[in-house]
Amino acid sequence: MADRKKTLVLGASPNPVRFSYKAVKSLLRHDQDVVAVGFREGLIVDEEILVGKPLIEDVHTVSIYIGSSRQSDYYDYIISLKPKRVIFNPGTVNPEFMARLNREGIEPVAECMLVMLHEEEY
């Protein structure tokens, strides 16, 4: 994978059984720049989990690991990051937000980021 794409993982968890934890580990293993943002502080490998809505520059991709019922609090935040795409992992698909992203010129992608990385489609 030649292209490095700074990815913000939203919903990152320090719990190793959570998919958001596995996503951060996989991004690091694939030599991608990663920012973990979650609801509580912690570590994933050596990556600090940030809380709140930190201002991050040059975000290429936001990968969502929070359910659609909690996403509305993050609409404006995600759009303010100006990512090129937002990945809606299984269980997070949100047609309302996907339509808004389209209107903002941001590509919504309903895929599993872990599969995308594994199949070198990231």
PDB file of N, CA and C in Angstrom:
ATOM      1  N   MET A   1       0.844  -1.179   0.000  1.00  0.00           N
ATOM      2  CA  MET A   1       0.000   0.000   0.000  1.00  0.00           C
ATOM      3  C   MET A   1       0.884   1.236   0.000  1.00  0.00           C
ATOM      4  N   ALA A   2       0.958   1.912  -1.110  1.00  0.00           N
ATOM      5  CA  ALA A   2       1.875   3.030  -1.270  1.00  0.00           C
ATOM      6  C   ALA A   2       1.318   4.324  -0.671  1.00  0.00           C
ATOM      7  N   ASP A   3       0.036   4.562  -0.795  1.00  0.00           N
ATOM      8  CA  ASP A   3      -0.559   5.810  -0.330  1.00  0.00           C
ATOM      9  C   ASP A   3      -0.826   5.782   1.163  1.00  0.00           C
ATOM     10  N   ARG A   4      -0.308   6.797   1.834  1.00  0.00           N
ATOM     11  CA  ARG A   4      -0.642   6.968   3.251  1.00  0.00           C
ATOM     12  C   ARG A   4      -1.837   7.899   3.316  1.00  0.00           C
ATOM     13  N   LYS A   5      -2.853   7.465   4.032  1.00  0.00           N
ATOM     14  CA  LYS A   5      -4.074   8.253   4.163  1.00  0.00           C
ATOM     15  C   LYS A   5      -4.355   8.450   5.646  1.00  0.00           C
ATOM     16  N   LYS A   6      -4.219   9.686   6.133  1.00  0.00           N
ATOM     17  CA  LYS A   6      -4.508   9.926   7.547  1.00  0.00           C
ATOM     18  C   LYS A   6      -5.962   9.587   7.801  1.00  0.00           C
ATOM     19  N   THR A   7      -6.162   8.679   8.738  1.00  0.00           N
ATOM     20  CA  THR A   7      -7.499   8.180   9.039  1.00  0.00           C
ATOM     21  C   THR A   7      -7.846   8.458  10.484  1.00  0.00           C
ATOM     22  N   LEU A   8      -9.008   9.054  10.682  1.00  0.00           N
ATOM     23  CA  LEU A   8      -9.537   9.265  12.016  1.00  0.00           C
ATOM     24  C   LEU A   8     -10.540   8.154  12.289  1.00  0.00           C
ATOM     25  N   VAL A   9     -10.278   7.364  13.316  1.00  0.00           N
ATOM     26  CA  VAL A   9     -11.193   6.295  13.721  1.00  0.00           C
ATOM     27  C   VAL A   9     -12.080   6.863  14.818  1.00  0.00           C
ATOM     28  N   LEU A  10     -13.359   7.049  14.490  1.00  0.00           N
ATOM     29  CA  LEU A  10     -14.311   7.633  15.433  1.00  0.00           C
ATOM     30  C   LEU A  10     -15.052   6.526  16.159  1.00  0.00           C
ATOM     31  N   GLY A  11     -14.939   6.536  17.486  1.00  0.00           N
ATOM     32  CA  GLY A  11     -15.525   5.476  18.298  1.00  0.00           C
ATOM     33  C   GLY A  11     -14.461   4.503  18.765  1.00  0.00           C
ATOM     34  N   ALA A  12     -13.198   4.933  18.703  1.00  0.00           N
ATOM     35  CA  ALA A  12     -12.081   4.072  19.104  1.00  0.00           C
ATOM     36  C   ALA A  12     -12.230   3.661  20.569  1.00  0.00           C
ATOM     37  N   SER A  13     -11.923   2.391  20.821  1.00  0.00           N
ATOM     38  CA  SER A  13     -12.071   1.843  22.166  1.00  0.00           C
ATOM     39  C   SER A  13     -10.776   1.154  22.589  1.00  0.00           C
ATOM     40  N   PRO A  14     -10.418   1.264  23.880  1.00  0.00           N
ATOM     41  CA  PRO A  14      -9.240   0.555  24.373  1.00  0.00           C
ATOM     42  C   PRO A  14      -9.498  -0.941  24.606  1.00  0.00           C
ATOM     43  N   ASN A  15     -10.711  -1.392  24.333  1.00  0.00           N
ATOM     44  CA  ASN A  15     -11.081  -2.795  24.534  1.00  0.00           C
ATOM     45  C   ASN A  15     -10.645  -3.615  23.313  1.00  0.00           C
ATOM     46  N   PRO A  16      -9.711  -4.564  23.486  1.00  0.00           N
ATOM     47  CA  PRO A  16      -9.159  -5.307  22.341  1.00  0.00           C
ATOM     48  C   PRO A  16     -10.168  -6.160  21.575  1.00  0.00           C
ATOM     49  N   VAL A  17     -11.354  -6.407  22.119  1.00  0.00           N
ATOM     50  CA  VAL A  17     -12.334  -7.205  21.376  1.00  0.00           C
ATOM     51  C   VAL A  17     -13.212  -6.336  20.464  1.00  0.00           C
ATOM     52  N   ARG A  18     -13.116  -5.026  20.606  1.00  0.00           N
ATOM     53  CA  ARG A  18     -13.928  -4.125  19.779  1.00  0.00           C
ATOM     54  C   ARG A  18     -13.303  -3.962  18.398  1.00  0.00           C
ATOM     55  N   PHE A  19     -14.163  -3.830  17.385  1.00  0.00           N
ATOM     56  CA  PHE A  19     -13.663  -3.677  16.022  1.00  0.00           C
ATOM     57  C   PHE A  19     -12.903  -2.364  15.844  1.00  0.00           C
ATOM     58  N   SER A  20     -13.274  -1.327  16.580  1.00  0.00           N
ATOM     59  CA  SER A  20     -12.553  -0.055  16.459  1.00  0.00           C
ATOM     60  C   SER A  20     -11.102  -0.215  16.926  1.00  0.00           C
ATOM     61  N   TYR A  21     -10.875  -1.023  17.935  1.00  0.00           N
ATOM     62  CA  TYR A  21      -9.525  -1.320  18.414  1.00  0.00           C
ATOM     63  C   TYR A  21      -8.751  -2.052  17.320  1.00  0.00           C
ATOM     64  N   LYS A  22      -9.397  -3.066  16.743  1.00  0.00           N
ATOM     65  CA  LYS A  22      -8.754  -3.841  15.668  1.00  0.00           C
ATOM     66  C   LYS A  22      -8.474  -2.968  14.456  1.00  0.00           C
ATOM     67  N   ALA A  23      -9.351  -2.008  14.193  1.00  0.00           N
ATOM     68  CA  ALA A  23      -9.164  -1.110  13.051  1.00  0.00           C
ATOM     69  C   ALA A  23      -7.915  -0.253  13.232  1.00  0.00           C
ATOM     70  N   VAL A  24      -7.740   0.308  14.413  1.00  0.00           N
ATOM     71  CA  VAL A  24      -6.561   1.134  14.672  1.00  0.00           C
ATOM     72  C   VAL A  24      -5.298   0.285  14.527  1.00  0.00           C
ATOM     73  N   LYS A  25      -5.306  -0.909  15.110  1.00  0.00           N
ATOM     74  CA  LYS A  25      -4.138  -1.799  14.985  1.00  0.00           C
ATOM     75  C   LYS A  25      -3.841  -2.130  13.531  1.00  0.00           C
ATOM     76  N   SER A  26      -4.880  -2.398  12.755  1.00  0.00           N
ATOM     77  CA  SER A  26      -4.694  -2.757  11.352  1.00  0.00           C
ATOM     78  C   SER A  26      -4.153  -1.575  10.552  1.00  0.00           C
ATOM     79  N   LEU A  27      -4.662  -0.380  10.811  1.00  0.00           N
ATOM     80  CA  LEU A  27      -4.148   0.809  10.129  1.00  0.00           C
ATOM     81  C   LEU A  27      -2.661   0.998  10.418  1.00  0.00           C
ATOM     82  N   LEU A  28      -2.283   0.840  11.679  1.00  0.00           N
ATOM     83  CA  LEU A  28      -0.868   0.977  12.051  1.00  0.00           C
ATOM     84  C   LEU A  28      -0.028  -0.096  11.355  1.00  0.00           C
ATOM     85  N   ARG A  29      -0.535  -1.307  11.315  1.00  0.00           N
ATOM     86  CA  ARG A  29       0.173  -2.422  10.659  1.00  0.00           C
ATOM     87  C   ARG A  29       0.345  -2.165   9.164  1.00  0.00           C
ATOM     88  N   HIS A  30      -0.621  -1.448   8.567  1.00  0.00           N
ATOM     89  CA  HIS A  30      -0.561  -1.115   7.144  1.00  0.00           C
ATOM     90  C   HIS A  30       0.137   0.229   6.898  1.00  0.00           C
ATOM     91  N   ASP A  31       0.846   0.718   7.916  1.00  0.00           N
ATOM     92  CA  ASP A  31       1.650   1.932   7.799  1.00  0.00           C
ATOM     93  C   ASP A  31       0.832   3.158   7.413  1.00  0.00           C
ATOM     94  N   GLN A  32      -0.374   3.257   7.958  1.00  0.00           N
ATOM     95  CA  GLN A  32      -1.225   4.426   7.739  1.00  0.00           C
ATOM     96  C   GLN A  32      -1.127   5.354   8.954  1.00  0.00           C
ATOM     97  N   ASP A  33      -1.285   6.651   8.714  1.00  0.00           N
ATOM     98  CA  ASP A  33      -1.365   7.614   9.811  1.00  0.00           C
ATOM     99  C   ASP A  33      -2.755   7.481  10.424  1.00  0.00           C
ATOM    100  N   VAL A  34      -2.824   7.344  11.738  1.00  0.00           N
ATOM    101  CA  VAL A  34      -4.119   7.120  12.379  1.00  0.00           C
ATOM    102  C   VAL A  34      -4.287   8.034  13.582  1.00  0.00           C
ATOM    103  N   VAL A  35      -5.504   8.515  13.749  1.00  0.00           N
ATOM    104  CA  VAL A  35      -5.901   9.289  14.919  1.00  0.00           C
ATOM    105  C   VAL A  35      -7.097   8.554  15.518  1.00  0.00           C
ATOM    106  N   ALA A  36      -6.974   8.149  16.766  1.00  0.00           N
ATOM    107  CA  ALA A  36      -8.047   7.435  17.453  1.00  0.00           C
ATOM    108  C   ALA A  36      -8.836   8.430  18.299  1.00  0.00           C
ATOM    109  N   VAL A  37     -10.151   8.492  18.076  1.00  0.00           N
ATOM    110  CA  VAL A  37     -11.026   9.380  18.844  1.00  0.00           C
ATOM    111  C   VAL A  37     -12.139   8.524  19.429  1.00  0.00           C
ATOM    112  N   GLY A  38     -12.291   8.586  20.740  1.00  0.00           N
ATOM    113  CA  GLY A  38     -13.297   7.757  21.394  1.00  0.00           C
ATOM    114  C   GLY A  38     -14.010   8.501  22.509  1.00  0.00           C
ATOM    115  N   PHE A  39     -14.728   7.730  23.296  1.00  0.00           N
ATOM    116  CA  PHE A  39     -15.514   8.308  24.386  1.00  0.00           C
ATOM    117  C   PHE A  39     -14.772   8.301  25.712  1.00  0.00           C
ATOM    118  N   ARG A  40     -13.682   7.523  25.780  1.00  0.00           N
ATOM    119  CA  ARG A  40     -12.861   7.530  26.994  1.00  0.00           C
ATOM    120  C   ARG A  40     -11.400   7.344  26.588  1.00  0.00           C
ATOM    121  N   GLU A  41     -10.530   7.914  27.427  1.00  0.00           N
ATOM    122  CA  GLU A  41      -9.105   7.852  27.150  1.00  0.00           C
ATOM    123  C   GLU A  41      -8.586   6.424  27.278  1.00  0.00           C
ATOM    124  N   GLY A  42      -7.476   6.189  26.646  1.00  0.00           N
ATOM    125  CA  GLY A  42      -6.837   4.888  26.713  1.00  0.00           C
ATOM    126  C   GLY A  42      -5.785   4.794  25.632  1.00  0.00           C
ATOM    127  N   LEU A  43      -5.271   3.588  25.446  1.00  0.00           N
ATOM    128  CA  LEU A  43      -4.254   3.353  24.433  1.00  0.00           C
ATOM    129  C   LEU A  43      -4.650   2.175  23.561  1.00  0.00           C
ATOM    130  N   ILE A  44      -4.273   2.273  22.290  1.00  0.00           N
ATOM    131  CA  ILE A  44      -4.356   1.143  21.373  1.00  0.00           C
ATOM    132  C   ILE A  44      -2.940   1.006  20.833  1.00  0.00           C
ATOM    133  N   VAL A  45      -2.274  -0.058  21.241  1.00  0.00           N
ATOM    134  CA  VAL A  45      -0.841  -0.211  21.029  1.00  0.00           C
ATOM    135  C   VAL A  45      -0.198   1.012  21.682  1.00  0.00           C
ATOM    136  N   ASP A  46       0.462   1.880  20.919  1.00  0.00           N
ATOM    137  CA  ASP A  46       1.045   3.101  21.485  1.00  0.00           C
ATOM    138  C   ASP A  46       0.255   4.344  21.095  1.00  0.00           C
ATOM    139  N   GLU A  47      -0.884   4.129  20.469  1.00  0.00           N
ATOM    140  CA  GLU A  47      -1.703   5.241  19.971  1.00  0.00           C
ATOM    141  C   GLU A  47      -2.673   5.700  21.055  1.00  0.00           C
ATOM    142  N   GLU A  48      -2.567   6.979  21.444  1.00  0.00           N
ATOM    143  CA  GLU A  48      -3.446   7.543  22.460  1.00  0.00           C
ATOM    144  C   GLU A  48      -4.836   7.756  21.885  1.00  0.00           C
ATOM    145  N   ILE A  49      -5.860   7.403  22.646  1.00  0.00           N
ATOM    146  CA  ILE A  49      -7.240   7.678  22.253  1.00  0.00           C
ATOM    147  C   ILE A  49      -7.595   9.075  22.757  1.00  0.00           C
ATOM    148  N   LEU A  50      -7.941   9.950  21.813  1.00  0.00           N
ATOM    149  CA  LEU A  50      -8.355  11.304  22.148  1.00  0.00           C
ATOM    150  C   LEU A  50      -9.855  11.316  22.409  1.00  0.00           C
ATOM    151  N   VAL A  51     -10.308  12.204  23.267  1.00  0.00           N
ATOM    152  CA  VAL A  51     -11.738  12.318  23.543  1.00  0.00           C
ATOM    153  C   VAL A  51     -12.235  13.679  23.065  1.00  0.00           C
ATOM    154  N   GLY A  52     -13.528  13.781  22.899  1.00  0.00           N
ATOM    155  CA  GLY A  52     -14.116  15.025  22.441  1.00  0.00           C
ATOM    156  C   GLY A  52     -14.086  15.122  20.928  1.00  0.00           C
ATOM    157  N   LYS A  53     -13.859  16.333  20.448  1.00  0.00           N
ATOM    158  CA  LYS A  53     -13.835  16.605  19.010  1.00  0.00           C
ATOM    159  C   LYS A  53     -12.553  17.372  18.676  1.00  0.00           C
ATOM    160  N   PRO A  54     -11.421  16.671  18.750  1.00  0.00           N
ATOM    161  CA  PRO A  54     -10.145  17.358  18.531  1.00  0.00           C
ATOM    162  C   PRO A  54      -9.996  17.850  17.096  1.00  0.00           C
ATOM    163  N   LEU A  55      -9.363  19.011  16.949  1.00  0.00           N
ATOM    164  CA  LEU A  55      -9.104  19.553  15.626  1.00  0.00           C
ATOM    165  C   LEU A  55      -7.897  18.829  15.042  1.00  0.00           C
ATOM    166  N   ILE A  56      -8.118  18.108  13.974  1.00  0.00           N
ATOM    167  CA  ILE A  56      -7.077  17.338  13.312  1.00  0.00           C
ATOM    168  C   ILE A  56      -6.995  17.835  11.873  1.00  0.00           C
ATOM    169  N   GLU A  57      -5.803  18.080  11.398  1.00  0.00           N
ATOM    170  CA  GLU A  57      -5.631  18.579  10.031  1.00  0.00           C
ATOM    171  C   GLU A  57      -5.282  17.449   9.076  1.00  0.00           C
ATOM    172  N   ASP A  58      -5.567  17.682   7.809  1.00  0.00           N
ATOM    173  CA  ASP A  58      -5.198  16.767   6.721  1.00  0.00           C
ATOM    174  C   ASP A  58      -5.780  15.363   6.883  1.00  0.00           C
ATOM    175  N   VAL A  59      -7.011  15.279   7.336  1.00  0.00           N
ATOM    176  CA  VAL A  59      -7.677  13.983   7.461  1.00  0.00           C
ATOM    177  C   VAL A  59      -8.170  13.563   6.073  1.00  0.00           C
ATOM    178  N   HIS A  60      -7.757  12.398   5.642  1.00  0.00           N
ATOM    179  CA  HIS A  60      -8.222  11.863   4.357  1.00  0.00           C
ATOM    180  C   HIS A  60      -9.523  11.086   4.536  1.00  0.00           C
ATOM    181  N   THR A  61      -9.569  10.253   5.595  1.00  0.00           N
ATOM    182  CA  THR A  61     -10.692   9.347   5.800  1.00  0.00           C
ATOM    183  C   THR A  61     -11.142   9.382   7.254  1.00  0.00           C
ATOM    184  N   VAL A  62     -12.447   9.376   7.459  1.00  0.00           N
ATOM    185  CA  VAL A  62     -13.017   9.146   8.782  1.00  0.00           C
ATOM    186  C   VAL A  62     -13.682   7.783   8.720  1.00  0.00           C
ATOM    187  N   SER A  63     -13.332   6.912   9.649  1.00  0.00           N
ATOM    188  CA  SER A  63     -13.920   5.582   9.722  1.00  0.00           C
ATOM    189  C   SER A  63     -14.790   5.524  10.980  1.00  0.00           C
ATOM    190  N   ILE A  64     -16.086   5.320  10.783  1.00  0.00           N
ATOM    191  CA  ILE A  64     -17.048   5.424  11.884  1.00  0.00           C
ATOM    192  C   ILE A  64     -17.312   4.064  12.530  1.00  0.00           C
ATOM    193  N   TYR A  65     -17.211   4.058  13.858  1.00  0.00           N
ATOM    194  CA  TYR A  65     -17.518   2.873  14.662  1.00  0.00           C
ATOM    195  C   TYR A  65     -18.506   3.211  15.772  1.00  0.00           C
ATOM    196  N   ILE A  66     -19.406   4.159  15.493  1.00  0.00           N
ATOM    197  CA  ILE A  66     -20.488   4.453  16.438  1.00  0.00           C
ATOM    198  C   ILE A  66     -21.807   4.335  15.692  1.00  0.00           C
ATOM    199  N   GLY A  67     -22.816   3.884  16.393  1.00  0.00           N
ATOM    200  CA  GLY A  67     -24.122   3.673  15.783  1.00  0.00           C
ATOM    201  C   GLY A  67     -24.755   4.958  15.282  1.00  0.00           C
ATOM    202  N   SER A  68     -25.685   4.797  14.356  1.00  0.00           N
ATOM    203  CA  SER A  68     -26.322   5.967  13.732  1.00  0.00           C
ATOM    204  C   SER A  68     -27.039   6.844  14.755  1.00  0.00           C
ATOM    205  N   SER A  69     -27.534   6.266  15.839  1.00  0.00           N
ATOM    206  CA  SER A  69     -28.262   7.061  16.835  1.00  0.00           C
ATOM    207  C   SER A  69     -27.354   8.058  17.565  1.00  0.00           C
ATOM    208  N   ARG A  70     -26.049   7.825  17.572  1.00  0.00           N
ATOM    209  CA  ARG A  70     -25.105   8.730  18.241  1.00  0.00           C
ATOM    210  C   ARG A  70     -24.353   9.620  17.255  1.00  0.00           C
ATOM    211  N   GLN A  71     -24.539   9.403  15.976  1.00  0.00           N
ATOM    212  CA  GLN A  71     -23.742  10.112  14.978  1.00  0.00           C
ATOM    213  C   GLN A  71     -24.102  11.577  14.808  1.00  0.00           C
ATOM    214  N   SER A  72     -25.364  11.941  15.032  1.00  0.00           N
ATOM    215  CA  SER A  72     -25.786  13.324  14.746  1.00  0.00           C
ATOM    216  C   SER A  72     -24.965  14.352  15.527  1.00  0.00           C
ATOM    217  N   ASP A  73     -24.481  13.987  16.703  1.00  0.00           N
ATOM    218  CA  ASP A  73     -23.630  14.888  17.484  1.00  0.00           C
ATOM    219  C   ASP A  73     -22.302  15.166  16.779  1.00  0.00           C
ATOM    220  N   TYR A  74     -21.956  14.342  15.803  1.00  0.00           N
ATOM    221  CA  TYR A  74     -20.660  14.443  15.133  1.00  0.00           C
ATOM    222  C   TYR A  74     -20.748  14.907  13.681  1.00  0.00           C
ATOM    223  N   TYR A  75     -21.941  15.142  13.167  1.00  0.00           N
ATOM    224  CA  TYR A  75     -22.084  15.555  11.761  1.00  0.00           C
ATOM    225  C   TYR A  75     -21.199  16.756  11.438  1.00  0.00           C
ATOM    226  N   ASP A  76     -21.403  17.853  12.147  1.00  0.00           N
ATOM    227  CA  ASP A  76     -20.667  19.083  11.854  1.00  0.00           C
ATOM    228  C   ASP A  76     -19.167  18.895  12.089  1.00  0.00           C
ATOM    229  N   TYR A  77     -18.819  18.157  13.136  1.00  0.00           N
ATOM    230  CA  TYR A  77     -17.405  17.900  13.429  1.00  0.00           C
ATOM    231  C   TYR A  77     -16.739  17.162  12.272  1.00  0.00           C
ATOM    232  N   ILE A  78     -17.351  16.087  11.811  1.00  0.00           N
ATOM    233  CA  ILE A  78     -16.775  15.295  10.723  1.00  0.00           C
ATOM    234  C   ILE A  78     -16.646  16.152   9.458  1.00  0.00           C
ATOM    235  N   ILE A  79     -17.687  16.890   9.137  1.00  0.00           N
ATOM    236  CA  ILE A  79     -17.651  17.746   7.946  1.00  0.00           C
ATOM    237  C   ILE A  79     -16.555  18.809   8.080  1.00  0.00           C
ATOM    238  N   SER A  80     -16.358  19.330   9.286  1.00  0.00           N
ATOM    239  CA  SER A  80     -15.333  20.373   9.500  1.00  0.00           C
ATOM    240  C   SER A  80     -13.918  19.842   9.267  1.00  0.00           C
ATOM    241  N   LEU A  81     -13.728  18.541   9.373  1.00  0.00           N
ATOM    242  CA  LEU A  81     -12.407  17.947   9.135  1.00  0.00           C
ATOM    243  C   LEU A  81     -12.061  17.908   7.644  1.00  0.00           C
ATOM    244  N   LYS A  82     -13.086  18.084   6.802  1.00  0.00           N
ATOM    245  CA  LYS A  82     -12.927  18.078   5.341  1.00  0.00           C
ATOM    246  C   LYS A  82     -12.274  16.794   4.815  1.00  0.00           C
ATOM    247  N   PRO A  83     -12.767  15.635   5.257  1.00  0.00           N
ATOM    248  CA  PRO A  83     -12.189  14.396   4.729  1.00  0.00           C
ATOM    249  C   PRO A  83     -12.634  14.180   3.284  1.00  0.00           C
ATOM    250  N   LYS A  84     -11.907  13.344   2.579  1.00  0.00           N
ATOM    251  CA  LYS A  84     -12.304  12.986   1.211  1.00  0.00           C
ATOM    252  C   LYS A  84     -13.411  11.932   1.248  1.00  0.00           C
ATOM    253  N   ARG A  85     -13.399  11.090   2.299  1.00  0.00           N
ATOM    254  CA  ARG A  85     -14.420  10.054   2.412  1.00  0.00           C
ATOM    255  C   ARG A  85     -14.688   9.739   3.879  1.00  0.00           C
ATOM    256  N   VAL A  86     -15.882   9.157   4.097  1.00  0.00           N
ATOM    257  CA  VAL A  86     -16.279   8.664   5.417  1.00  0.00           C
ATOM    258  C   VAL A  86     -16.702   7.218   5.222  1.00  0.00           C
ATOM    259  N   ILE A  87     -16.058   6.320   5.957  1.00  0.00           N
ATOM    260  CA  ILE A  87     -16.391   4.900   5.866  1.00  0.00           C
ATOM    261  C   ILE A  87     -17.384   4.564   6.968  1.00  0.00           C
ATOM    262  N   PHE A  88     -18.530   4.016   6.555  1.00  0.00           N
ATOM    263  CA  PHE A  88     -19.555   3.545   7.482  1.00  0.00           C
ATOM    264  C   PHE A  88     -19.378   2.037   7.588  1.00  0.00           C
ATOM    265  N   ASN A  89     -18.779   1.602   8.683  1.00  0.00           N
ATOM    266  CA  ASN A  89     -18.539   0.181   8.904  1.00  0.00           C
ATOM    267  C   ASN A  89     -19.854  -0.532   9.208  1.00  0.00           C
ATOM    268  N   PRO A  90     -19.888  -1.868   9.106  1.00  0.00           N
ATOM    269  CA  PRO A  90     -21.134  -2.595   9.386  1.00  0.00           C
ATOM    270  C   PRO A  90     -21.748  -2.171  10.728  1.00  0.00           C
ATOM    271  N   GLY A  91     -23.040  -1.926  10.692  1.00  0.00           N
ATOM    272  CA  GLY A  91     -23.762  -1.503  11.890  1.00  0.00           C
ATOM    273  C   GLY A  91     -23.787  -0.001  12.096  1.00  0.00           C
ATOM    274  N   THR A  92     -23.145   0.763  11.193  1.00  0.00           N
ATOM    275  CA  THR A  92     -23.089   2.215  11.366  1.00  0.00           C
ATOM    276  C   THR A  92     -23.715   2.978  10.197  1.00  0.00           C
ATOM    277  N   VAL A  93     -24.223   2.268   9.209  1.00  0.00           N
ATOM    278  CA  VAL A  93     -24.771   2.931   8.011  1.00  0.00           C
ATOM    279  C   VAL A  93     -25.897   3.883   8.412  1.00  0.00           C
ATOM    280  N   ASN A  94     -25.841   5.095   7.848  1.00  0.00           N
ATOM    281  CA  ASN A  94     -26.760   6.165   8.224  1.00  0.00           C
ATOM    282  C   ASN A  94     -27.138   6.939   6.951  1.00  0.00           C
ATOM    283  N   PRO A  95     -28.244   6.546   6.290  1.00  0.00           N
ATOM    284  CA  PRO A  95     -28.629   7.196   5.028  1.00  0.00           C
ATOM    285  C   PRO A  95     -28.746   8.719   5.124  1.00  0.00           C
ATOM    286  N   GLU A  96     -29.258   9.232   6.226  1.00  0.00           N
ATOM    287  CA  GLU A  96     -29.406  10.682   6.398  1.00  0.00           C
ATOM    288  C   GLU A  96     -28.049  11.376   6.337  1.00  0.00           C
ATOM    289  N   PHE A  97     -27.085  10.874   7.106  1.00  0.00           N
ATOM    290  CA  PHE A  97     -25.768  11.486   7.135  1.00  0.00           C
ATOM    291  C   PHE A  97     -25.030  11.257   5.815  1.00  0.00           C
ATOM    292  N   MET A  98     -25.221  10.102   5.215  1.00  0.00           N
ATOM    293  CA  MET A  98     -24.578   9.809   3.932  1.00  0.00           C
ATOM    294  C   MET A  98     -25.047  10.805   2.862  1.00  0.00           C
ATOM    295  N   ALA A  99     -26.330  11.122   2.862  1.00  0.00           N
ATOM    296  CA  ALA A  99     -26.874  12.098   1.903  1.00  0.00           C
ATOM    297  C   ALA A  99     -26.269  13.476   2.154  1.00  0.00           C
ATOM    298  N   ARG A 100     -26.140  13.844   3.408  1.00  0.00           N
ATOM    299  CA  ARG A 100     -25.544  15.153   3.728  1.00  0.00           C
ATOM    300  C   ARG A 100     -24.084  15.202   3.298  1.00  0.00           C
ATOM    301  N   LEU A 101     -23.347  14.130   3.537  1.00  0.00           N
ATOM    302  CA  LEU A 101     -21.950  14.089   3.100  1.00  0.00           C
ATOM    303  C   LEU A 101     -21.854  14.269   1.589  1.00  0.00           C
ATOM    304  N   ASN A 102     -22.727  13.583   0.854  1.00  0.00           N
ATOM    305  CA  ASN A 102     -22.746  13.741  -0.602  1.00  0.00           C
ATOM    306  C   ASN A 102     -22.940  15.204  -0.985  1.00  0.00           C
ATOM    307  N   ARG A 103     -23.875  15.877  -0.325  1.00  0.00           N
ATOM    308  CA  ARG A 103     -24.132  17.293  -0.619  1.00  0.00           C
ATOM    309  C   ARG A 103     -22.908  18.160  -0.317  1.00  0.00           C
ATOM    310  N   GLU A 104     -22.107  17.731   0.653  1.00  0.00           N
ATOM    311  CA  GLU A 104     -20.904  18.474   1.046  1.00  0.00           C
ATOM    312  C   GLU A 104     -19.694  18.112   0.187  1.00  0.00           C
ATOM    313  N   GLY A 105     -19.868  17.167  -0.749  1.00  0.00           N
ATOM    314  CA  GLY A 105     -18.755  16.763  -1.606  1.00  0.00           C
ATOM    315  C   GLY A 105     -17.815  15.757  -0.968  1.00  0.00           C
ATOM    316  N   ILE A 106     -18.310  15.066   0.062  1.00  0.00           N
ATOM    317  CA  ILE A 106     -17.526  14.052   0.767  1.00  0.00           C
ATOM    318  C   ILE A 106     -18.116  12.690   0.422  1.00  0.00           C
ATOM    319  N   GLU A 107     -17.273  11.761   0.030  1.00  0.00           N
ATOM    320  CA  GLU A 107     -17.747  10.448  -0.405  1.00  0.00           C
ATOM    321  C   GLU A 107     -18.105   9.559   0.790  1.00  0.00           C
ATOM    322  N   PRO A 108     -19.370   9.129   0.894  1.00  0.00           N
ATOM    323  CA  PRO A 108     -19.727   8.143   1.920  1.00  0.00           C
ATOM    324  C   PRO A 108     -19.490   6.740   1.363  1.00  0.00           C
ATOM    325  N   VAL A 109     -18.890   5.874   2.163  1.00  0.00           N
ATOM    326  CA  VAL A 109     -18.581   4.513   1.732  1.00  0.00           C
ATOM    327  C   VAL A 109     -19.138   3.547   2.769  1.00  0.00           C
ATOM    328  N   ALA A 110     -20.034   2.659   2.343  1.00  0.00           N
ATOM    329  CA  ALA A 110     -20.587   1.636   3.243  1.00  0.00           C
ATOM    330  C   ALA A 110     -19.799   0.351   3.027  1.00  0.00           C
ATOM    331  N   GLU A 111     -18.737   0.193   3.787  1.00  0.00           N
ATOM    332  CA  GLU A 111     -17.842  -0.960   3.675  1.00  0.00           C
ATOM    333  C   GLU A 111     -17.253  -1.255   5.043  1.00  0.00           C
ATOM    334  N   CYS A 112     -16.573  -2.375   5.127  1.00  0.00           N
ATOM    335  CA  CYS A 112     -15.817  -2.713   6.328  1.00  0.00           C
ATOM    336  C   CYS A 112     -14.365  -2.309   6.089  1.00  0.00           C
ATOM    337  N   MET A 113     -13.883  -1.365   6.868  1.00  0.00           N
ATOM    338  CA  MET A 113     -12.515  -0.888   6.675  1.00  0.00           C
ATOM    339  C   MET A 113     -11.501  -2.007   6.845  1.00  0.00           C
ATOM    340  N   LEU A 114     -11.734  -2.917   7.784  1.00  0.00           N
ATOM    341  CA  LEU A 114     -10.803  -4.029   7.990  1.00  0.00           C
ATOM    342  C   LEU A 114     -10.682  -4.879   6.733  1.00  0.00           C
ATOM    343  N   VAL A 115     -11.799  -5.135   6.070  1.00  0.00           N
ATOM    344  CA  VAL A 115     -11.782  -5.911   4.824  1.00  0.00           C
ATOM    345  C   VAL A 115     -11.074  -5.109   3.734  1.00  0.00           C
ATOM    346  N   MET A 116     -11.364  -3.825   3.654  1.00  0.00           N
ATOM    347  CA  MET A 116     -10.707  -2.976   2.654  1.00  0.00           C
ATOM    348  C   MET A 116      -9.187  -3.027   2.807  1.00  0.00           C
ATOM    349  N   LEU A 117      -8.695  -2.940   4.042  1.00  0.00           N
ATOM    350  CA  LEU A 117      -7.263  -3.006   4.290  1.00  0.00           C
ATOM    351  C   LEU A 117      -6.714  -4.378   3.917  1.00  0.00           C
ATOM    352  N   HIS A 118      -7.407  -5.414   4.331  1.00  0.00           N
ATOM    353  CA  HIS A 118      -6.950  -6.778   4.072  1.00  0.00           C
ATOM    354  C   HIS A 118      -6.863  -7.074   2.568  1.00  0.00           C
ATOM    355  N   GLU A 119      -7.826  -6.561   1.826  1.00  0.00           N
ATOM    356  CA  GLU A 119      -7.873  -6.819   0.386  1.00  0.00           C
ATOM    357  C   GLU A 119      -7.130  -5.749  -0.416  1.00  0.00           C
ATOM    358  N   GLU A 120      -6.401  -4.875   0.292  1.00  0.00           N
ATOM    359  CA  GLU A 120      -5.613  -3.813  -0.333  1.00  0.00           C
ATOM    360  C   GLU A 120      -6.456  -2.916  -1.229  1.00  0.00           C
ATOM    361  N   GLU A 121      -7.663  -2.622  -0.756  1.00  0.00           N
ATOM    362  CA  GLU A 121      -8.578  -1.712  -1.458  1.00  0.00           C
ATOM    363  C   GLU A 121      -8.735  -0.402  -0.705  1.00  0.00           C
ATOM    364  N   TYR A 122      -7.838  -0.154   0.218  1.00  0.00           N
ATOM    365  CA  TYR A 122      -7.930   1.057   1.051  1.00  0.00           C
ATOM    366  C   TYR A 122      -7.347   2.233   0.313  1.00  0.00           C
TER     367      TYR A 122
END
